[in-house]
Structure formats: C-alpha cells, structure tokens
PDB file of N, CA and C in Angstrom:
ATOM      1  N   MET A   1       4.520 -26.258 -13.670  1.00  0.00           N
ATOM      2  CA  MET A   1       3.339 -26.501 -12.858  1.00  0.00           C
ATOM      3  C   MET A   1       3.388 -25.560 -11.653  1.00  0.00           C
ATOM      4  N   SER A   2       2.291 -24.871 -11.397  1.00  0.00           N
ATOM      5  CA  SER A   2       2.266 -23.969 -10.250  1.00  0.00           C
ATOM      6  C   SER A   2       1.899 -24.751  -8.994  1.00  0.00           C
ATOM      7  N   LYS A   3       2.489 -24.337  -7.896  1.00  0.00           N
ATOM      8  CA  LYS A   3       2.176 -25.016  -6.643  1.00  0.00           C
ATOM      9  C   LYS A   3       1.058 -24.253  -5.945  1.00  0.00           C
ATOM     10  N   SER A   4       0.367 -24.937  -5.093  1.00  0.00           N
ATOM     11  CA  SER A   4      -0.704 -24.300  -4.330  1.00  0.00           C
ATOM     12  C   SER A   4      -0.529 -24.668  -2.863  1.00  0.00           C
ATOM     13  N   ALA A   5      -1.197 -23.890  -2.018  1.00  0.00           N
ATOM     14  CA  ALA A   5      -1.126 -24.130  -0.579  1.00  0.00           C
ATOM     15  C   ALA A   5      -2.497 -23.916   0.020  1.00  0.00           C
ATOM     16  N   VAL A   6      -2.739 -24.605   1.087  1.00  0.00           N
ATOM     17  CA  VAL A   6      -3.980 -24.440   1.833  1.00  0.00           C
ATOM     18  C   VAL A   6      -3.661 -23.601   3.059  1.00  0.00           C
ATOM     19  N   ILE A   7      -4.443 -22.556   3.279  1.00  0.00           N
ATOM     20  CA  ILE A   7      -4.268 -21.676   4.428  1.00  0.00           C
ATOM     21  C   ILE A   7      -5.547 -21.712   5.244  1.00  0.00           C
ATOM     22  N   THR A   8      -5.400 -21.874   6.529  1.00  0.00           N
ATOM     23  CA  THR A   8      -6.547 -21.880   7.432  1.00  0.00           C
ATOM     24  C   THR A   8      -6.427 -20.691   8.366  1.00  0.00           C
ATOM     25  N   THR A   9      -7.526 -19.995   8.567  1.00  0.00           N
ATOM     26  CA  THR A   9      -7.514 -18.845   9.473  1.00  0.00           C
ATOM     27  C   THR A   9      -8.877 -18.691  10.138  1.00  0.00           C
ATOM     28  N   ARG A  10      -8.886 -18.001  11.252  1.00  0.00           N
ATOM     29  CA  ARG A  10     -10.143 -17.696  11.924  1.00  0.00           C
ATOM     30  C   ARG A  10     -10.578 -16.293  11.547  1.00  0.00           C
ATOM     31  N   LEU A  11     -11.853 -16.133  11.294  1.00  0.00           N
ATOM     32  CA  LEU A  11     -12.439 -14.837  10.978  1.00  0.00           C
ATOM     33  C   LEU A  11     -13.585 -14.571  11.934  1.00  0.00           C
ATOM     34  N   ASP A  12     -13.787 -13.302  12.237  1.00  0.00           N
ATOM     35  CA  ASP A  12     -14.979 -12.978  13.007  1.00  0.00           C
ATOM     36  C   ASP A  12     -16.191 -13.149  12.094  1.00  0.00           C
ATOM     37  N   GLY A  13     -17.350 -13.266  12.700  1.00  0.00           N
ATOM     38  CA  GLY A  13     -18.575 -13.533  11.945  1.00  0.00           C
ATOM     39  C   GLY A  13     -18.893 -12.466  10.926  1.00  0.00           C
ATOM     40  N   GLU A  14     -18.667 -11.212  11.276  1.00  0.00           N
ATOM     41  CA  GLU A  14     -18.970 -10.110  10.358  1.00  0.00           C
ATOM     42  C   GLU A  14     -18.123 -10.206   9.090  1.00  0.00           C
ATOM     43  N   THR A  15     -16.829 -10.479   9.261  1.00  0.00           N
ATOM     44  CA  THR A  15     -15.941 -10.603   8.100  1.00  0.00           C
ATOM     45  C   THR A  15     -16.337 -11.795   7.245  1.00  0.00           C
ATOM     46  N   ALA A  16     -16.631 -12.917   7.874  1.00  0.00           N
ATOM     47  CA  ALA A  16     -17.055 -14.110   7.129  1.00  0.00           C
ATOM     48  C   ALA A  16     -18.321 -13.821   6.330  1.00  0.00           C
ATOM     49  N   ASP A  17     -19.261 -13.102   6.942  1.00  0.00           N
ATOM     50  CA  ASP A  17     -20.506 -12.749   6.242  1.00  0.00           C
ATOM     51  C   ASP A  17     -20.220 -11.852   5.036  1.00  0.00           C
ATOM     52  N   LEU A  18     -19.331 -10.887   5.200  1.00  0.00           N
ATOM     53  CA  LEU A  18     -18.984 -10.004   4.091  1.00  0.00           C
ATOM     54  C   LEU A  18     -18.341 -10.792   2.949  1.00  0.00           C
ATOM     55  N   ILE A  19     -17.468 -11.719   3.304  1.00  0.00           N
ATOM     56  CA  ILE A  19     -16.826 -12.556   2.287  1.00  0.00           C
ATOM     57  C   ILE A  19     -17.869 -13.400   1.560  1.00  0.00           C
ATOM     58  N   ASP A  20     -18.769 -13.997   2.314  1.00  0.00           N
ATOM     59  CA  ASP A  20     -19.823 -14.817   1.701  1.00  0.00           C
ATOM     60  C   ASP A  20     -20.696 -13.987   0.767  1.00  0.00           C
ATOM     61  N   GLN A  21     -21.040 -12.776   1.189  1.00  0.00           N
ATOM     62  CA  GLN A  21     -21.867 -11.897   0.344  1.00  0.00           C
ATOM     63  C   GLN A  21     -21.139 -11.534  -0.949  1.00  0.00           C
ATOM     64  N   ALA A  22     -19.875 -11.172  -0.821  1.00  0.00           N
ATOM     65  CA  ALA A  22     -19.107 -10.798  -2.010  1.00  0.00           C
ATOM     66  C   ALA A  22     -18.942 -11.985  -2.945  1.00  0.00           C
ATOM     67  N   ALA A  23     -18.638 -13.145  -2.394  1.00  0.00           N
ATOM     68  CA  ALA A  23     -18.472 -14.349  -3.215  1.00  0.00           C
ATOM     69  C   ALA A  23     -19.773 -14.672  -3.946  1.00  0.00           C
ATOM     70  N   ALA A  24     -20.878 -14.571  -3.240  1.00  0.00           N
ATOM     71  CA  ALA A  24     -22.176 -14.860  -3.852  1.00  0.00           C
ATOM     72  C   ALA A  24     -22.472 -13.886  -4.995  1.00  0.00           C
ATOM     73  N   ARG A  25     -22.140 -12.631  -4.807  1.00  0.00           N
ATOM     74  CA  ARG A  25     -22.376 -11.638  -5.871  1.00  0.00           C
ATOM     75  C   ARG A  25     -21.543 -11.935  -7.111  1.00  0.00           C
ATOM     76  N   HIS A  26     -20.389 -12.552  -6.914  1.00  0.00           N
ATOM     77  CA  HIS A  26     -19.557 -12.954  -8.043  1.00  0.00           C
ATOM     78  C   HIS A  26     -19.985 -14.313  -8.589  1.00  0.00           C
ATOM     79  N   GLY A  27     -20.897 -14.970  -7.884  1.00  0.00           N
ATOM     80  CA  GLY A  27     -21.318 -16.306  -8.300  1.00  0.00           C
ATOM     81  C   GLY A  27     -20.229 -17.339  -8.098  1.00  0.00           C
ATOM     82  N   GLN A  28     -19.408 -17.121  -7.075  1.00  0.00           N
ATOM     83  CA  GLN A  28     -18.275 -17.996  -6.819  1.00  0.00           C
ATOM     84  C   GLN A  28     -18.292 -18.467  -5.362  1.00  0.00           C
ATOM     85  N   SER A  29     -17.373 -19.346  -5.053  1.00  0.00           N
ATOM     86  CA  SER A  29     -17.278 -19.871  -3.697  1.00  0.00           C
ATOM     87  C   SER A  29     -16.500 -18.913  -2.801  1.00  0.00           C
ATOM     88  N   ARG A  30     -16.637 -19.139  -1.516  1.00  0.00           N
ATOM     89  CA  ARG A  30     -15.859 -18.378  -0.525  1.00  0.00           C
ATOM     90  C   ARG A  30     -14.371 -18.571  -0.800  1.00  0.00           C
ATOM     91  N   SER A  31     -13.972 -19.798  -1.077  1.00  0.00           N
ATOM     92  CA  SER A  31     -12.567 -20.104  -1.337  1.00  0.00           C
ATOM     93  C   SER A  31     -12.045 -19.325  -2.541  1.00  0.00           C
ATOM     94  N   TRP A  32     -12.817 -19.282  -3.629  1.00  0.00           N
ATOM     95  CA  TRP A  32     -12.428 -18.543  -4.823  1.00  0.00           C
ATOM     96  C   TRP A  32     -12.224 -17.072  -4.493  1.00  0.00           C
ATOM     97  N   PHE A  33     -13.183 -16.499  -3.767  1.00  0.00           N
ATOM     98  CA  PHE A  33     -13.109 -15.067  -3.446  1.00  0.00           C
ATOM     99  C   PHE A  33     -11.893 -14.764  -2.578  1.00  0.00           C
ATOM    100  N   VAL A  34     -11.694 -15.537  -1.524  1.00  0.00           N
ATOM    101  CA  VAL A  34     -10.575 -15.291  -0.613  1.00  0.00           C
ATOM    102  C   VAL A  34      -9.250 -15.466  -1.352  1.00  0.00           C
ATOM    103  N   SER A  35      -9.139 -16.474  -2.187  1.00  0.00           N
ATOM    104  CA  SER A  35      -7.923 -16.693  -2.956  1.00  0.00           C
ATOM    105  C   SER A  35      -7.634 -15.500  -3.854  1.00  0.00           C
ATOM    106  N   ARG A  36      -8.657 -14.989  -4.521  1.00  0.00           N
ATOM    107  CA  ARG A  36      -8.509 -13.840  -5.417  1.00  0.00           C
ATOM    108  C   ARG A  36      -8.068 -12.600  -4.650  1.00  0.00           C
ATOM    109  N   VAL A  37      -8.716 -12.329  -3.534  1.00  0.00           N
ATOM    110  CA  VAL A  37      -8.400 -11.143  -2.738  1.00  0.00           C
ATOM    111  C   VAL A  37      -6.995 -11.240  -2.145  1.00  0.00           C
ATOM    112  N   LEU A  38      -6.629 -12.412  -1.644  1.00  0.00           N
ATOM    113  CA  LEU A  38      -5.284 -12.589  -1.092  1.00  0.00           C
ATOM    114  C   LEU A  38      -4.212 -12.413  -2.156  1.00  0.00           C
ATOM    115  N   ALA A  39      -4.459 -12.927  -3.355  1.00  0.00           N
ATOM    116  CA  ALA A  39      -3.488 -12.769  -4.442  1.00  0.00           C
ATOM    117  C   ALA A  39      -3.302 -11.292  -4.780  1.00  0.00           C
ATOM    118  N   GLN A  40      -4.392 -10.550  -4.837  1.00  0.00           N
ATOM    119  CA  GLN A  40      -4.313  -9.113  -5.138  1.00  0.00           C
ATOM    120  C   GLN A  40      -3.569  -8.368  -4.028  1.00  0.00           C
ATOM    121  N   ALA A  41      -3.882  -8.677  -2.780  1.00  0.00           N
ATOM    122  CA  ALA A  41      -3.228  -8.009  -1.646  1.00  0.00           C
ATOM    123  C   ALA A  41      -1.741  -8.339  -1.611  1.00  0.00           C
ATOM    124  N   ALA A  42      -1.386  -9.584  -1.857  1.00  0.00           N
ATOM    125  CA  ALA A  42       0.019  -9.985  -1.840  1.00  0.00           C
ATOM    126  C   ALA A  42       0.791  -9.282  -2.955  1.00  0.00           C
ATOM    127  N   LYS A  43       0.184  -9.150  -4.125  1.00  0.00           N
ATOM    128  CA  LYS A  43       0.838  -8.462  -5.241  1.00  0.00           C
ATOM    129  C   LYS A  43       1.054  -6.991  -4.904  1.00  0.00           C
ATOM    130  N   ARG A  44       0.023  -6.333  -4.366  1.00  0.00           N
ATOM    131  CA  ARG A  44       0.155  -4.915  -3.991  1.00  0.00           C
ATOM    132  C   ARG A  44       1.236  -4.734  -2.933  1.00  0.00           C
ATOM    133  N   GLU A  45       1.273  -5.611  -1.960  1.00  0.00           N
ATOM    134  CA  GLU A  45       2.273  -5.520  -0.895  1.00  0.00           C
ATOM    135  C   GLU A  45       3.685  -5.703  -1.453  1.00  0.00           C
ATOM    136  N   ALA A  46       3.853  -6.668  -2.354  1.00  0.00           N
ATOM    137  CA  ALA A  46       5.164  -6.900  -2.965  1.00  0.00           C
ATOM    138  C   ALA A  46       5.597  -5.681  -3.772  1.00  0.00           C
ATOM    139  N   GLU A  47       4.663  -5.075  -4.518  1.00  0.00           N
ATOM    140  CA  GLU A  47       4.987  -3.877  -5.289  1.00  0.00           C
ATOM    141  C   GLU A  47       5.356  -2.715  -4.367  1.00  0.00           C
ATOM    142  N   PHE A  48       4.633  -2.563  -3.274  1.00  0.00           N
ATOM    143  CA  PHE A  48       4.916  -1.493  -2.318  1.00  0.00           C
ATOM    144  C   PHE A  48       6.291  -1.678  -1.699  1.00  0.00           C
ATOM    145  N   LEU A  49       6.598  -2.894  -1.267  1.00  0.00           N
ATOM    146  CA  LEU A  49       7.895  -3.160  -0.651  1.00  0.00           C
ATOM    147  C   LEU A  49       9.036  -2.953  -1.643  1.00  0.00           C
ATOM    148  N   ALA A  50       8.819  -3.298  -2.914  1.00  0.00           N
ATOM    149  CA  ALA A  50       9.844  -3.062  -3.940  1.00  0.00           C
ATOM    150  C   ALA A  50      10.056  -1.567  -4.132  1.00  0.00           C
ATOM    151  N   TYR A  51       8.971  -0.796  -4.098  1.00  0.00           N
ATOM    152  CA  TYR A  51       9.059   0.659  -4.227  1.00  0.00           C
ATOM    153  C   TYR A  51       9.848   1.248  -3.059  1.00  0.00           C
ATOM    154  N   ILE A  52       9.575   0.793  -1.867  1.00  0.00           N
ATOM    155  CA  ILE A  52      10.304   1.254  -0.683  1.00  0.00           C
ATOM    156  C   ILE A  52      11.781   0.886  -0.811  1.00  0.00           C
ATOM    157  N   GLN A  53      12.055  -0.323  -1.287  1.00  0.00           N
ATOM    158  CA  GLN A  53      13.446  -0.750  -1.439  1.00  0.00           C
ATOM    159  C   GLN A  53      14.186   0.120  -2.450  1.00  0.00           C
ATOM    160  N   GLU A  54      13.492   0.552  -3.508  1.00  0.00           N
ATOM    161  CA  GLU A  54      14.115   1.456  -4.482  1.00  0.00           C
ATOM    162  C   GLU A  54      14.577   2.737  -3.794  1.00  0.00           C
ATOM    163  N   GLY A  55      13.738   3.275  -2.917  1.00  0.00           N
ATOM    164  CA  GLY A  55      14.104   4.482  -2.184  1.00  0.00           C
ATOM    165  C   GLY A  55      15.278   4.252  -1.255  1.00  0.00           C
ATOM    166  N   ILE A  56      15.277   3.139  -0.576  1.00  0.00           N
ATOM    167  CA  ILE A  56      16.392   2.804   0.316  1.00  0.00           C
ATOM    168  C   ILE A  56      17.678   2.675  -0.487  1.00  0.00           C
ATOM    169  N   ASP A  57      17.600   2.007  -1.639  1.00  0.00           N
ATOM    170  CA  ASP A  57      18.780   1.841  -2.487  1.00  0.00           C
ATOM    171  C   ASP A  57      19.300   3.195  -2.974  1.00  0.00           C
ATOM    172  N   GLU A  58      18.388   4.104  -3.348  1.00  0.00           N
ATOM    173  CA  GLU A  58      18.803   5.443  -3.775  1.00  0.00           C
ATOM    174  C   GLU A  58      19.520   6.173  -2.648  1.00  0.00           C
ATOM    175  N   LEU A  59      18.976   6.073  -1.447  1.00  0.00           N
ATOM    176  CA  LEU A  59      19.629   6.714  -0.298  1.00  0.00           C
ATOM    177  C   LEU A  59      20.998   6.103  -0.040  1.00  0.00           C
ATOM    178  N   ASP A  60      21.084   4.789  -0.144  1.00  0.00           N
ATOM    179  CA  ASP A  60      22.368   4.111   0.060  1.00  0.00           C
ATOM    180  C   ASP A  60      23.411   4.564  -0.962  1.00  0.00           C
ATOM    181  N   ARG A  61      22.953   4.938  -2.173  1.00  0.00           N
ATOM    182  CA  ARG A  61      23.870   5.421  -3.204  1.00  0.00           C
ATOM    183  C   ARG A  61      24.152   6.926  -3.056  1.00  0.00           C
ATOM    184  N   GLY A  62      23.551   7.547  -2.033  1.00  0.00           N
ATOM    185  CA  GLY A  62      23.766   8.975  -1.812  1.00  0.00           C
ATOM    186  C   GLY A  62      22.950   9.865  -2.723  1.00  0.00           C
ATOM    187  N   GLU A  63      21.866   9.350  -3.268  1.00  0.00           N
ATOM    188  CA  GLU A  63      21.044  10.101  -4.208  1.00  0.00           C
ATOM    189  C   GLU A  63      19.892  10.852  -3.546  1.00  0.00           C
ATOM    190  N   GLY A  64      19.817  10.797  -2.237  1.00  0.00           N
ATOM    191  CA  GLY A  64      18.720  11.462  -1.536  1.00  0.00           C
ATOM    192  C   GLY A  64      18.987  12.944  -1.324  1.00  0.00           C
ATOM    193  N   ILE A  65      17.945  13.650  -0.929  1.00  0.00           N
ATOM    194  CA  ILE A  65      18.055  15.068  -0.581  1.00  0.00           C
ATOM    195  C   ILE A  65      18.018  15.150   0.937  1.00  0.00           C
ATOM    196  N   PRO A  66      19.006  15.785   1.546  1.00  0.00           N
ATOM    197  CA  PRO A  66      19.031  15.877   3.007  1.00  0.00           C
ATOM    198  C   PRO A  66      17.769  16.547   3.559  1.00  0.00           C
ATOM    199  N   HIS A  67      17.342  16.071   4.701  1.00  0.00           N
ATOM    200  CA  HIS A  67      16.131  16.579   5.345  1.00  0.00           C
ATOM    201  C   HIS A  67      16.190  18.095   5.533  1.00  0.00           C
ATOM    202  N   GLU A  68      17.337  18.604   5.935  1.00  0.00           N
ATOM    203  CA  GLU A  68      17.478  20.036   6.191  1.00  0.00           C
ATOM    204  C   GLU A  68      17.230  20.846   4.922  1.00  0.00           C
ATOM    205  N   VAL A  69      17.665  20.333   3.780  1.00  0.00           N
ATOM    206  CA  VAL A  69      17.466  21.028   2.507  1.00  0.00           C
ATOM    207  C   VAL A  69      15.989  21.058   2.150  1.00  0.00           C
ATOM    208  N   VAL A  70      15.330  19.942   2.297  1.00  0.00           N
ATOM    209  CA  VAL A  70      13.900  19.871   2.005  1.00  0.00           C
ATOM    210  C   VAL A  70      13.133  20.819   2.912  1.00  0.00           C
ATOM    211  N   MET A  71      13.447  20.805   4.205  1.00  0.00           N
ATOM    212  CA  MET A  71      12.736  21.673   5.147  1.00  0.00           C
ATOM    213  C   MET A  71      12.981  23.151   4.844  1.00  0.00           C
ATOM    214  N   ALA A  72      14.202  23.497   4.462  1.00  0.00           N
ATOM    215  CA  ALA A  72      14.499  24.891   4.112  1.00  0.00           C
ATOM    216  C   ALA A  72      13.687  25.316   2.893  1.00  0.00           C
ATOM    217  N   GLU A  73      13.578  24.449   1.892  1.00  0.00           N
ATOM    218  CA  GLU A  73      12.779  24.764   0.705  1.00  0.00           C
ATOM    219  C   GLU A  73      11.300  24.917   1.061  1.00  0.00           C
ATOM    220  N   LEU A  74      10.795  24.036   1.906  1.00  0.00           N
ATOM    221  CA  LEU A  74       9.393  24.140   2.334  1.00  0.00           C
ATOM    222  C   LEU A  74       9.153  25.413   3.134  1.00  0.00           C
ATOM    223  N   ASP A  75      10.060  25.735   4.045  1.00  0.00           N
ATOM    224  CA  ASP A  75       9.921  26.962   4.830  1.00  0.00           C
ATOM    225  C   ASP A  75       9.902  28.185   3.925  1.00  0.00           C
ATOM    226  N   ALA A  76      10.751  28.189   2.889  1.00  0.00           N
ATOM    227  CA  ALA A  76      10.779  29.308   1.954  1.00  0.00           C
ATOM    228  C   ALA A  76       9.466  29.402   1.173  1.00  0.00           C
ATOM    229  N   MET A  77       8.939  28.272   0.763  1.00  0.00           N
ATOM    230  CA  MET A  77       7.661  28.270   0.041  1.00  0.00           C
ATOM    231  C   MET A  77       6.530  28.774   0.929  1.00  0.00           C
ATOM    232  N   ILE A  78       6.521  28.346   2.183  1.00  0.00           N
ATOM    233  CA  ILE A  78       5.484  28.790   3.127  1.00  0.00           C
ATOM    234  C   ILE A  78       5.604  30.288   3.372  1.00  0.00           C
ATOM    235  N   ALA A  79       6.822  30.773   3.566  1.00  0.00           N
ATOM    236  CA  ALA A  79       7.026  32.206   3.799  1.00  0.00           C
ATOM    237  C   ALA A  79       6.567  33.018   2.601  1.00  0.00           C
ATOM    238  N   LYS A  80       6.858  32.550   1.400  1.00  0.00           N
ATOM    239  CA  LYS A  80       6.430  33.241   0.182  1.00  0.00           C
ATOM    240  C   LYS A  80       4.904  33.285   0.098  1.00  0.00           C
ATOM    241  N   HIS A  81       4.274  32.189   0.397  1.00  0.00           N
ATOM    242  CA  HIS A  81       2.817  32.127   0.376  1.00  0.00           C
ATOM    243  C   HIS A  81       2.206  33.044   1.429  1.00  0.00           C
ATOM    244  N   GLU A  82       2.752  33.014   2.633  1.00  0.00           N
ATOM    245  CA  GLU A  82       2.248  33.871   3.704  1.00  0.00           C
ATOM    246  C   GLU A  82       2.412  35.342   3.345  1.00  0.00           C
ATOM    247  N   ALA A  83       3.513  35.699   2.698  1.00  0.00           N
ATOM    248  CA  ALA A  83       3.733  37.081   2.292  1.00  0.00           C
ATOM    249  C   ALA A  83       2.710  37.513   1.259  1.00  0.00           C
ATOM    250  N   ARG A  84       2.389  36.628   0.323  1.00  0.00           N
ATOM    251  CA  ARG A  84       1.349  36.945  -0.688  1.00  0.00           C
ATOM    252  C   ARG A  84      -0.002  37.120  -0.029  1.00  0.00           C
ATOM    253  N   CYS A  85      -0.285  36.332   0.988  1.00  0.00           N
ATOM    254  CA  CYS A  85      -1.592  36.404   1.652  1.00  0.00           C
ATOM    255  C   CYS A  85      -1.730  37.702   2.457  1.00  0.00           C
ATOM    256  N   ARG A  86      -0.618  38.234   2.930  1.00  0.00           N
ATOM    257  CA  ARG A  86      -0.659  39.473   3.727  1.00  0.00           C
ATOM    258  C   ARG A  86      -0.821  40.697   2.834  1.00  0.00           C
ATOM    259  N   ASP A  87      -0.391  40.587   1.588  1.00  0.00           N
ATOM    260  CA  ASP A  87      -0.447  41.752   0.688  1.00  0.00           C
ATOM    261  C   ASP A  87      -1.837  41.991   0.158  1.00  0.00           C
TER     262      ASP A  87
END
C-alpha cells in the first residue's frame, strides 16, 4: 500500500491562476495537477542528484581529469582554432 501526505503551501495569485488554468485544460482538479507536477519535479531532482553523486564518486575513486589538464587541452584547441582563423 502506498502512503500519501497532505502538503499545504502559500502561492501568489498569479501562480494559483496558472495552476487552475492548467488543471482546467486537463479536465482535472488543482490538487491532481499539483500532485502530478510535484511528482515529476521530485523525480527529476532525484535523478539529477544521483547523477551528481556519480560524478562525486568517480572523483573520490580518482577517475577524474585534473582541472589543469582540461584547461591545457582547451587552450590548445583555442590556439589551433585561432591559428586557422588567421590563415
């Protein structure tokens, strides 16, 4: 059985109106729309944080590329491009 929770928040009038308009276009209630949008936002945020954690874990394992190396490669690419543009 899934659990549910009730969340109460204050919204400015403009945001409330936008939510009401969107809910009406879906033929649903304000509660349905807000629940759907919050679920989507929470999922995206969890996926983003997991992605960031993967990067942190890679760095912790020493799998990263040092900043100086990346900058040297970028500087070389820029210099090569600038040289082509001058010719």
